[in-house]
N, C-alpha and C. Protein backbone atom coordinates (compact mmCIF):
# COMPACT_ATOMS: atom_id res chain seq x y z
N LYS A 1 61.56 -47.95 61.87
CA LYS A 1 62.79 -47.28 62.20
C LYS A 1 63.13 -47.52 63.66
N ASP A 2 62.10 -47.55 64.50
CA ASP A 2 62.33 -47.75 65.94
C ASP A 2 62.98 -49.08 66.25
N ALA A 3 62.79 -50.08 65.38
CA ALA A 3 63.37 -51.40 65.62
C ALA A 3 64.88 -51.38 65.49
N GLY A 4 65.41 -50.37 64.82
CA GLY A 4 66.85 -50.23 64.71
C GLY A 4 67.51 -51.13 63.69
N PHE A 5 66.75 -51.63 62.72
CA PHE A 5 67.34 -52.46 61.68
C PHE A 5 68.06 -51.55 60.69
N VAL A 6 69.38 -51.72 60.59
CA VAL A 6 70.16 -50.87 59.70
C VAL A 6 70.96 -51.70 58.70
N THR A 7 71.37 -52.90 59.11
CA THR A 7 72.16 -53.77 58.25
C THR A 7 71.46 -55.12 58.11
N PRO A 8 71.84 -55.92 57.13
CA PRO A 8 71.25 -57.25 56.99
C PRO A 8 71.41 -58.11 58.24
N HIS A 9 72.52 -57.95 58.96
CA HIS A 9 72.74 -58.76 60.17
C HIS A 9 71.70 -58.48 61.25
N ASP A 10 71.13 -57.28 61.23
CA ASP A 10 70.11 -56.93 62.23
C ASP A 10 68.83 -57.74 62.06
N LEU A 11 68.68 -58.42 60.95
CA LEU A 11 67.47 -59.20 60.68
C LEU A 11 67.52 -60.61 61.25
N GLN A 12 68.69 -61.05 61.69
CA GLN A 12 68.80 -62.40 62.27
C GLN A 12 67.94 -62.48 63.53
N GLY A 13 67.23 -63.59 63.65
CA GLY A 13 66.37 -63.80 64.81
C GLY A 13 65.04 -63.07 64.72
N LYS A 14 64.74 -62.50 63.57
CA LYS A 14 63.52 -61.71 63.41
C LYS A 14 62.54 -62.38 62.45
N LYS A 15 61.30 -61.90 62.50
CA LYS A 15 60.25 -62.36 61.58
C LYS A 15 60.20 -61.41 60.39
N ILE A 16 60.44 -61.96 59.21
CA ILE A 16 60.44 -61.14 58.00
C ILE A 16 59.37 -61.65 57.06
N MET A 17 58.54 -60.73 56.60
CA MET A 17 57.48 -61.07 55.67
C MET A 17 58.00 -60.88 54.25
N LEU A 18 58.17 -62.00 53.54
CA LEU A 18 58.57 -61.95 52.13
C LEU A 18 58.28 -63.28 51.48
N ASN A 19 58.16 -63.25 50.18
CA ASN A 19 58.01 -64.49 49.40
C ASN A 19 59.37 -64.79 48.79
N PRO A 20 60.04 -65.87 49.22
CA PRO A 20 61.39 -66.16 48.74
C PRO A 20 61.52 -66.20 47.22
N GLU A 21 60.51 -66.73 46.53
CA GLU A 21 60.61 -66.82 45.07
C GLU A 21 60.55 -65.46 44.40
N GLN A 22 60.12 -64.44 45.12
CA GLN A 22 60.05 -63.08 44.57
C GLN A 22 61.11 -62.17 45.19
N SER A 23 61.97 -62.71 46.01
CA SER A 23 62.92 -61.88 46.75
C SER A 23 64.35 -62.38 46.60
N THR A 24 64.70 -62.83 45.41
CA THR A 24 66.04 -63.37 45.22
C THR A 24 67.12 -62.33 45.49
N ASP A 25 66.84 -61.06 45.22
CA ASP A 25 67.83 -60.03 45.50
C ASP A 25 68.08 -59.90 47.00
N ILE A 26 67.03 -59.98 47.80
CA ILE A 26 67.18 -59.89 49.26
C ILE A 26 67.91 -61.11 49.79
N LEU A 27 67.53 -62.28 49.30
CA LEU A 27 68.20 -63.51 49.75
C LEU A 27 69.67 -63.51 49.35
N ALA A 28 69.98 -63.01 48.15
CA ALA A 28 71.37 -62.91 47.71
C ALA A 28 72.15 -61.94 48.59
N MET A 29 71.54 -60.84 48.97
CA MET A 29 72.18 -59.87 49.85
C MET A 29 72.48 -60.51 51.20
N LEU A 30 71.49 -61.19 51.78
CA LEU A 30 71.69 -61.82 53.08
C LEU A 30 72.81 -62.85 53.01
N ALA A 31 72.81 -63.67 51.96
CA ALA A 31 73.84 -64.69 51.82
C ALA A 31 75.21 -64.06 51.63
N SER A 32 75.30 -63.02 50.81
CA SER A 32 76.60 -62.40 50.56
C SER A 32 77.15 -61.70 51.80
N GLU A 33 76.27 -61.33 52.70
CA GLU A 33 76.69 -60.69 53.95
C GLU A 33 76.95 -61.71 55.06
N GLY A 34 76.75 -62.99 54.75
CA GLY A 34 77.02 -64.03 55.74
C GLY A 34 75.94 -64.19 56.79
N VAL A 35 74.74 -63.72 56.48
CA VAL A 35 73.62 -63.87 57.41
C VAL A 35 73.12 -65.30 57.34
N ASP A 36 72.94 -65.93 58.49
CA ASP A 36 72.44 -67.31 58.56
C ASP A 36 70.94 -67.30 58.31
N LEU A 37 70.53 -67.76 57.14
CA LEU A 37 69.10 -67.74 56.78
C LEU A 37 68.27 -68.62 57.70
N GLN A 38 68.89 -69.61 58.34
CA GLN A 38 68.17 -70.46 59.29
C GLN A 38 67.79 -69.69 60.55
N GLN A 39 68.43 -68.54 60.76
CA GLN A 39 68.16 -67.72 61.94
C GLN A 39 67.09 -66.66 61.69
N ILE A 40 66.46 -66.72 60.53
CA ILE A 40 65.41 -65.77 60.20
C ILE A 40 64.10 -66.53 60.03
N ASP A 41 63.05 -65.99 60.61
CA ASP A 41 61.72 -66.59 60.48
C ASP A 41 61.02 -65.92 59.29
N PHE A 42 61.07 -66.57 58.13
CA PHE A 42 60.43 -66.03 56.93
C PHE A 42 58.95 -66.38 56.94
N LEU A 43 58.11 -65.37 56.80
CA LEU A 43 56.66 -65.55 56.79
C LEU A 43 56.11 -65.16 55.42
N PRO A 44 55.04 -65.82 54.97
CA PRO A 44 54.45 -65.46 53.68
C PRO A 44 54.03 -63.99 53.66
N HIS A 45 54.25 -63.35 52.54
CA HIS A 45 53.92 -61.93 52.41
C HIS A 45 52.42 -61.75 52.23
N THR A 46 51.84 -60.86 53.00
CA THR A 46 50.42 -60.54 52.85
C THR A 46 50.21 -59.22 52.11
N TRP A 47 51.28 -58.45 51.95
CA TRP A 47 51.25 -57.12 51.36
C TRP A 47 50.37 -56.16 52.16
N GLN A 48 50.20 -56.46 53.44
CA GLN A 48 49.46 -55.59 54.34
C GLN A 48 50.45 -54.91 55.28
N ILE A 49 50.65 -53.61 55.12
CA ILE A 49 51.64 -52.93 55.97
C ILE A 49 51.21 -52.93 57.43
N ASN A 50 49.93 -53.17 57.68
CA ASN A 50 49.47 -53.25 59.07
C ASN A 50 50.11 -54.41 59.81
N ASP A 51 50.53 -55.46 59.10
CA ASP A 51 51.24 -56.56 59.76
C ASP A 51 52.54 -56.06 60.38
N LEU A 52 53.21 -55.14 59.71
CA LEU A 52 54.43 -54.54 60.26
C LEU A 52 54.09 -53.53 61.35
N LEU A 53 53.12 -52.68 61.10
CA LEU A 53 52.75 -51.65 62.07
C LEU A 53 52.24 -52.25 63.37
N ALA A 54 51.54 -53.39 63.29
CA ALA A 54 50.98 -54.04 64.48
C ALA A 54 51.99 -54.94 65.18
N GLY A 55 53.18 -55.11 64.58
CA GLY A 55 54.20 -55.93 65.21
C GLY A 55 54.07 -57.42 64.96
N ARG A 56 53.20 -57.81 64.03
CA ARG A 56 53.09 -59.24 63.71
C ARG A 56 54.34 -59.74 62.99
N VAL A 57 55.03 -58.82 62.31
CA VAL A 57 56.33 -59.11 61.69
C VAL A 57 57.28 -57.99 62.07
N ASP A 58 58.58 -58.29 62.00
CA ASP A 58 59.59 -57.28 62.35
C ASP A 58 60.05 -56.48 61.15
N ALA A 59 59.98 -57.08 59.97
CA ALA A 59 60.41 -56.42 58.74
C ALA A 59 59.65 -57.04 57.57
N MET A 60 59.66 -56.33 56.45
CA MET A 60 58.97 -56.85 55.27
C MET A 60 59.71 -56.41 54.01
N SER A 61 59.61 -57.23 52.98
CA SER A 61 60.12 -56.80 51.68
C SER A 61 59.10 -55.81 51.12
N ALA A 62 59.58 -54.94 50.24
CA ALA A 62 58.70 -53.91 49.71
C ALA A 62 59.18 -53.47 48.34
N TYR A 63 58.29 -52.89 47.59
CA TYR A 63 58.66 -52.26 46.33
C TYR A 63 59.12 -50.85 46.65
N SER A 64 60.27 -50.47 46.14
CA SER A 64 60.83 -49.15 46.45
C SER A 64 59.97 -48.01 45.91
N THR A 65 59.07 -48.31 45.00
CA THR A 65 58.20 -47.29 44.43
C THR A 65 56.86 -47.15 45.14
N THR A 66 56.57 -48.03 46.08
CA THR A 66 55.23 -48.03 46.67
C THR A 66 55.24 -47.87 48.19
N GLU A 67 55.72 -48.88 48.90
CA GLU A 67 55.60 -48.88 50.36
C GLU A 67 56.31 -47.71 51.04
N PRO A 68 57.50 -47.29 50.62
CA PRO A 68 58.11 -46.12 51.28
C PRO A 68 57.22 -44.88 51.18
N TYR A 69 56.57 -44.72 50.04
CA TYR A 69 55.65 -43.60 49.85
C TYR A 69 54.47 -43.71 50.81
N ILE A 70 53.93 -44.91 50.96
CA ILE A 70 52.79 -45.11 51.86
C ILE A 70 53.19 -44.80 53.30
N PHE A 71 54.35 -45.32 53.72
CA PHE A 71 54.81 -45.05 55.09
C PHE A 71 55.03 -43.55 55.29
N GLN A 72 55.58 -42.87 54.29
CA GLN A 72 55.78 -41.42 54.39
C GLN A 72 54.45 -40.71 54.57
N GLN A 73 53.44 -41.11 53.79
CA GLN A 73 52.12 -40.50 53.90
C GLN A 73 51.50 -40.73 55.27
N LEU A 74 51.83 -41.88 55.88
CA LEU A 74 51.32 -42.19 57.22
C LEU A 74 52.14 -41.52 58.32
N GLY A 75 53.25 -40.91 57.95
CA GLY A 75 54.12 -40.29 58.93
C GLY A 75 54.92 -41.29 59.74
N VAL A 76 55.14 -42.47 59.18
CA VAL A 76 55.87 -43.54 59.87
C VAL A 76 57.30 -43.60 59.30
N PRO A 77 58.30 -43.24 60.11
CA PRO A 77 59.68 -43.33 59.61
C PRO A 77 60.12 -44.79 59.50
N ILE A 78 60.86 -45.09 58.45
CA ILE A 78 61.33 -46.46 58.22
C ILE A 78 62.81 -46.45 57.86
N ASN A 79 63.45 -47.57 58.04
CA ASN A 79 64.80 -47.81 57.53
C ASN A 79 64.66 -48.75 56.35
N ILE A 80 65.43 -48.50 55.32
CA ILE A 80 65.42 -49.37 54.15
C ILE A 80 66.79 -50.03 54.04
N ILE A 81 66.79 -51.35 54.03
CA ILE A 81 68.01 -52.11 53.79
C ILE A 81 67.94 -52.55 52.33
N ASN A 82 68.66 -51.83 51.49
CA ASN A 82 68.57 -52.02 50.05
C ASN A 82 69.69 -52.93 49.55
N PRO A 83 69.36 -54.02 48.87
CA PRO A 83 70.40 -54.92 48.35
C PRO A 83 71.46 -54.23 47.50
N ILE A 84 71.08 -53.17 46.79
CA ILE A 84 72.05 -52.48 45.94
C ILE A 84 73.21 -51.92 46.77
N ASN A 85 72.93 -51.57 48.02
CA ASN A 85 73.98 -51.04 48.90
C ASN A 85 74.93 -52.12 49.39
N TYR A 86 74.61 -53.37 49.08
CA TYR A 86 75.45 -54.50 49.50
C TYR A 86 75.95 -55.28 48.28
N GLY A 87 75.99 -54.62 47.14
CA GLY A 87 76.56 -55.22 45.94
C GLY A 87 75.62 -56.10 45.13
N VAL A 88 74.35 -56.15 45.49
CA VAL A 88 73.37 -56.94 44.73
C VAL A 88 72.54 -55.94 43.93
N ASP A 89 72.86 -55.83 42.66
CA ASP A 89 72.27 -54.79 41.83
C ASP A 89 71.60 -55.40 40.60
N TYR A 90 70.38 -55.85 40.77
CA TYR A 90 69.61 -56.30 39.61
C TYR A 90 68.14 -56.11 39.87
N TYR A 91 67.43 -55.94 38.78
CA TYR A 91 65.99 -55.75 38.84
C TYR A 91 65.32 -57.08 38.61
N GLY A 92 64.35 -57.40 39.43
CA GLY A 92 63.63 -58.66 39.27
C GLY A 92 62.27 -58.42 38.65
N ASP A 93 61.88 -59.31 37.80
CA ASP A 93 60.57 -59.23 37.17
C ASP A 93 60.12 -60.65 36.87
N CYS A 94 58.85 -60.85 36.69
CA CYS A 94 58.38 -62.20 36.37
C CYS A 94 57.23 -62.12 35.38
N LEU A 95 57.07 -63.19 34.65
CA LEU A 95 55.96 -63.34 33.73
C LEU A 95 55.14 -64.53 34.21
N ILE A 96 53.84 -64.40 34.17
CA ILE A 96 52.97 -65.45 34.69
C ILE A 96 52.02 -65.91 33.59
N ALA A 97 51.87 -67.22 33.48
CA ALA A 97 50.93 -67.81 32.52
C ALA A 97 50.28 -69.02 33.16
N SER A 98 49.08 -69.32 32.73
CA SER A 98 48.41 -70.51 33.24
C SER A 98 49.03 -71.76 32.62
N GLU A 99 48.92 -72.87 33.33
CA GLU A 99 49.42 -74.14 32.80
C GLU A 99 48.71 -74.50 31.50
N SER A 100 47.42 -74.22 31.45
CA SER A 100 46.68 -74.59 30.23
C SER A 100 47.19 -73.80 29.02
N LEU A 101 47.50 -72.52 29.21
CA LEU A 101 48.04 -71.74 28.10
C LEU A 101 49.39 -72.30 27.66
N LEU A 102 50.23 -72.63 28.62
CA LEU A 102 51.55 -73.18 28.27
C LEU A 102 51.43 -74.51 27.53
N LYS A 103 50.41 -75.30 27.88
CA LYS A 103 50.22 -76.60 27.22
C LYS A 103 49.56 -76.45 25.85
N THR A 104 48.58 -75.57 25.76
CA THR A 104 47.81 -75.47 24.51
C THR A 104 48.40 -74.48 23.51
N ARG A 105 49.14 -73.50 24.00
CA ARG A 105 49.68 -72.47 23.09
C ARG A 105 51.13 -72.14 23.45
N PRO A 106 52.00 -73.13 23.47
CA PRO A 106 53.39 -72.88 23.89
C PRO A 106 54.11 -71.86 23.01
N GLU A 107 53.79 -71.84 21.72
CA GLU A 107 54.47 -70.89 20.83
C GLU A 107 54.09 -69.45 21.18
N LEU A 108 52.84 -69.23 21.56
CA LEU A 108 52.40 -67.91 21.99
C LEU A 108 53.19 -67.47 23.23
N ALA A 109 53.36 -68.38 24.17
CA ALA A 109 54.12 -68.06 25.38
C ALA A 109 55.57 -67.73 25.03
N ARG A 110 56.18 -68.50 24.14
CA ARG A 110 57.56 -68.23 23.73
C ARG A 110 57.68 -66.86 23.06
N ARG A 111 56.73 -66.54 22.20
CA ARG A 111 56.76 -65.24 21.51
C ARG A 111 56.57 -64.10 22.50
N PHE A 112 55.72 -64.32 23.51
CA PHE A 112 55.51 -63.28 24.51
C PHE A 112 56.78 -63.03 25.32
N VAL A 113 57.45 -64.11 25.73
CA VAL A 113 58.72 -63.97 26.46
C VAL A 113 59.74 -63.24 25.59
N SER A 114 59.83 -63.62 24.33
CA SER A 114 60.77 -62.99 23.41
C SER A 114 60.46 -61.50 23.25
N ALA A 115 59.19 -61.16 23.08
CA ALA A 115 58.80 -59.76 22.93
C ALA A 115 59.08 -58.98 24.21
N SER A 116 58.85 -59.59 25.35
CA SER A 116 59.13 -58.92 26.63
C SER A 116 60.62 -58.63 26.76
N LEU A 117 61.45 -59.59 26.40
CA LEU A 117 62.90 -59.38 26.45
C LEU A 117 63.33 -58.27 25.50
N LYS A 118 62.75 -58.24 24.31
CA LYS A 118 63.07 -57.16 23.37
C LYS A 118 62.67 -55.80 23.95
N GLY A 119 61.52 -55.77 24.62
CA GLY A 119 61.08 -54.53 25.25
C GLY A 119 62.05 -54.06 26.32
N TRP A 120 62.52 -54.99 27.15
CA TRP A 120 63.51 -54.63 28.18
C TRP A 120 64.81 -54.17 27.54
N GLN A 121 65.24 -54.85 26.49
CA GLN A 121 66.48 -54.45 25.82
C GLN A 121 66.35 -53.03 25.26
N TYR A 122 65.20 -52.73 24.68
CA TYR A 122 64.97 -51.39 24.16
C TYR A 122 64.99 -50.37 25.30
N ALA A 123 64.29 -50.69 26.38
CA ALA A 123 64.22 -49.76 27.51
C ALA A 123 65.60 -49.47 28.08
N LEU A 124 66.42 -50.50 28.21
CA LEU A 124 67.76 -50.30 28.77
C LEU A 124 68.67 -49.55 27.80
N SER A 125 68.40 -49.65 26.52
CA SER A 125 69.21 -48.94 25.52
C SER A 125 68.72 -47.51 25.29
N HIS A 126 67.53 -47.18 25.75
CA HIS A 126 66.93 -45.86 25.54
C HIS A 126 66.39 -45.31 26.86
N GLN A 127 67.24 -45.28 27.86
CA GLN A 127 66.79 -44.93 29.20
C GLN A 127 66.20 -43.53 29.30
N GLU A 128 66.83 -42.54 28.69
CA GLU A 128 66.31 -41.16 28.78
C GLU A 128 64.90 -41.07 28.19
N GLU A 129 64.71 -41.71 27.05
CA GLU A 129 63.40 -41.72 26.41
C GLU A 129 62.35 -42.34 27.33
N LEU A 130 62.70 -43.46 27.96
CA LEU A 130 61.76 -44.14 28.84
C LEU A 130 61.50 -43.36 30.12
N ILE A 131 62.53 -42.68 30.63
CA ILE A 131 62.33 -41.84 31.81
C ILE A 131 61.30 -40.76 31.50
N ASP A 132 61.47 -40.09 30.37
CA ASP A 132 60.51 -39.05 29.97
C ASP A 132 59.11 -39.62 29.81
N LEU A 133 59.00 -40.79 29.21
CA LEU A 133 57.70 -41.43 29.02
C LEU A 133 57.04 -41.75 30.36
N ILE A 134 57.80 -42.32 31.27
CA ILE A 134 57.25 -42.68 32.58
C ILE A 134 56.80 -41.43 33.33
N ILE A 135 57.61 -40.38 33.30
CA ILE A 135 57.25 -39.14 34.00
C ILE A 135 55.99 -38.54 33.40
N SER A 136 55.83 -38.63 32.08
CA SER A 136 54.66 -38.04 31.44
C SER A 136 53.38 -38.83 31.70
N LYS A 137 53.50 -40.13 31.96
CA LYS A 137 52.31 -40.97 32.12
C LYS A 137 51.96 -41.31 33.57
N TYR A 138 52.96 -41.26 34.47
CA TYR A 138 52.73 -41.68 35.85
C TYR A 138 53.10 -40.55 36.80
N ASN A 139 52.56 -40.60 37.98
CA ASN A 139 52.80 -39.57 38.98
C ASN A 139 54.24 -39.64 39.48
N PRO A 140 55.07 -38.64 39.17
CA PRO A 140 56.48 -38.69 39.60
C PRO A 140 56.65 -38.57 41.12
N ARG A 141 55.63 -38.15 41.84
CA ARG A 141 55.74 -38.02 43.29
C ARG A 141 55.70 -39.38 43.99
N LEU A 142 55.39 -40.45 43.28
CA LEU A 142 55.31 -41.77 43.90
C LEU A 142 56.64 -42.49 43.93
N SER A 143 57.68 -41.91 43.38
CA SER A 143 58.97 -42.60 43.40
C SER A 143 60.09 -41.66 43.76
């Protein structure tokens, strides 16, 4: 919070810890706001908040369900520049498989992707049910 980053433009000329392939929403936000990506020093993400606290990086990408909670527990105030506030509103997710599985069992991989998509479609069509399920199984204080 002390760094004073409030808008995407405040990140120009700074060191940001993120993995571009996992941060398409952040990159889309920066681009839509006209931020020159060449003016940002993108560093590989270590997922160590101490890199931010020690000043090795100026900002970092984070999961909205995890890092803000950790910073709150540490008593460290932060600013969150959320892509949704800049018109970039989508959830990112990824599926990972080994090359050998994709080569030896491609149909299994296709079925898994299909089942995952069906699961997401169900979740989006039954949001109240899923909210209740998540609250009953996971600690609601973490989000």
